[in-house]
Amino acid sequence: MGTVWKALADDSRRQVLLMLIEGEMTPSEMAAKFNFTMPALSTHLKILRDAGLIVERREGKRRLYSLNANGMNELFEFVDSFWAYPLHNLKNYFKGRAKHKE
């Protein structure tokens, strides 16, 4: 799971993911919306692709990037595990913190 978290740790990469919600984009289209050099954008795209969060599709010489819905499963499963966390444990946690402040 480390690569997903590394990919999401950078604000610029999160912004790329949010941009790709709109659909496929070329690196040039993405770079026009950011103040990135193409090498910097290429590095961000590689990290997102290696984490499985985006996919690359080639169309002739063009490269098109889009979100990989399956790549987000690991993240969703991690976050979803907190919904099953018993609420009484959370209540006890806050009660314990309140006692330590007194």
Protein backbone atom coordinates (compact mmCIF):
# COMPACT_ATOMS: atom_id res chain seq x y z
CA MET A 1 0.00 0.00 0.00
CA GLY A 2 3.02 2.29 0.33
CA THR A 3 3.04 3.40 -3.30
CA VAL A 4 -0.60 4.50 -3.17
CA TRP A 5 0.09 6.60 -0.09
CA LYS A 6 3.29 8.01 -1.59
CA ALA A 7 1.37 8.96 -4.71
CA LEU A 8 -1.38 10.65 -2.72
CA ALA A 9 1.04 12.44 -0.38
CA ASP A 10 1.79 15.13 -2.94
CA ASP A 11 -0.76 17.89 -3.50
CA SER A 12 0.12 18.20 -7.19
CA ARG A 13 -0.58 14.52 -7.79
CA ARG A 14 -3.91 14.80 -5.97
CA GLN A 15 -4.75 17.72 -8.26
CA VAL A 16 -3.88 15.60 -11.31
CA LEU A 17 -6.25 12.89 -10.07
CA LEU A 18 -9.02 15.44 -9.55
CA MET A 19 -8.41 16.80 -13.04
CA LEU A 20 -8.69 13.32 -14.55
CA ILE A 21 -12.17 12.91 -13.06
CA GLU A 22 -13.27 14.95 -16.08
CA GLY A 23 -11.88 12.31 -18.45
CA GLU A 24 -8.81 11.41 -20.46
CA MET A 25 -6.14 14.04 -20.93
CA THR A 26 -2.78 14.33 -22.63
CA PRO A 27 0.26 15.50 -20.68
CA SER A 28 0.18 18.76 -22.65
CA GLU A 29 -3.42 19.41 -21.61
CA MET A 30 -2.53 18.74 -17.98
CA ALA A 31 0.61 20.89 -18.07
CA ALA A 32 -1.40 23.81 -19.46
CA LYS A 33 -3.52 23.78 -16.29
CA PHE A 34 -0.48 23.65 -13.98
CA ASN A 35 2.74 25.55 -13.70
CA PHE A 36 4.70 22.35 -14.38
CA THR A 37 7.56 21.61 -16.67
CA MET A 38 6.95 18.53 -18.80
CA PRO A 39 9.70 16.57 -16.96
CA ALA A 40 8.08 17.37 -13.59
CA LEU A 41 4.65 16.32 -14.86
CA SER A 42 6.15 13.16 -16.32
CA THR A 43 7.54 12.27 -12.89
CA HIS A 44 4.15 12.82 -11.23
CA LEU A 45 2.40 10.71 -13.89
CA LYS A 46 4.93 7.89 -13.47
CA ILE A 47 4.36 7.80 -9.70
CA LEU A 48 0.57 7.76 -10.15
CA ARG A 49 0.82 5.08 -12.84
CA ASP A 50 3.19 2.92 -10.75
CA ALA A 51 0.73 3.19 -7.85
CA GLY A 52 -2.02 1.92 -10.15
CA LEU A 53 -4.11 5.08 -9.76
CA ILE A 54 -4.01 6.08 -13.44
CA VAL A 55 -3.63 4.26 -16.73
CA GLU A 56 -1.92 5.30 -19.91
CA ARG A 57 -3.39 4.65 -23.35
CA ARG A 58 -1.45 5.24 -26.53
CA GLU A 59 -3.14 6.56 -29.61
CA GLY A 60 -0.47 6.84 -32.29
CA LYS A 61 2.15 9.17 -30.83
CA ARG A 62 -0.26 10.61 -28.28
CA ARG A 63 -0.43 9.39 -24.70
CA LEU A 64 -3.76 9.71 -22.93
CA TYR A 65 -4.12 9.34 -19.18
CA SER A 66 -7.24 8.46 -17.23
CA LEU A 67 -8.19 7.30 -13.75
CA ASN A 68 -7.89 3.61 -12.95
CA ALA A 69 -11.01 2.85 -10.93
CA ASN A 70 -9.60 -0.53 -9.87
CA GLY A 71 -6.45 1.14 -8.58
CA MET A 72 -8.39 2.99 -5.92
CA ASN A 73 -9.75 -0.23 -4.38
CA GLU A 74 -6.89 -0.59 -1.88
CA LEU A 75 -7.45 2.94 -0.66
CA PHE A 76 -11.23 2.49 -0.49
CA GLU A 77 -10.85 -0.74 1.49
CA PHE A 78 -8.54 0.97 3.98
CA VAL A 79 -10.91 3.91 4.52
CA ASP A 80 -13.94 1.62 4.55
CA SER A 81 -12.44 -0.38 7.42
CA PHE A 82 -12.98 2.63 9.68
CA TRP A 83 -16.75 2.52 9.15
CA ALA A 84 -16.73 -0.84 10.90
CA TYR A 85 -14.76 0.62 13.83
CA PRO A 86 -17.04 0.40 16.88
CA LEU A 87 -18.29 3.83 17.87
CA HIS A 88 -18.08 2.99 21.58
CA ASN A 89 -14.29 2.71 21.19
CA LEU A 90 -14.24 6.22 19.80
CA LYS A 91 -16.37 7.44 22.70
CA ASN A 92 -13.98 5.79 25.20
CA TYR A 93 -11.01 7.36 23.46
CA PHE A 94 -12.41 10.87 23.87
CA LYS A 95 -13.42 10.20 27.48
CA GLY A 96 -9.83 9.11 28.18
CA ARG A 97 -8.44 12.24 26.59
CA ALA A 98 -10.76 14.41 28.66
CA LYS A 99 -9.54 12.73 31.88
CA HIS A 100 -5.90 13.37 30.97
CA LYS A 101 -6.57 17.09 30.46
CA GLU A 102 -8.07 17.53 33.95
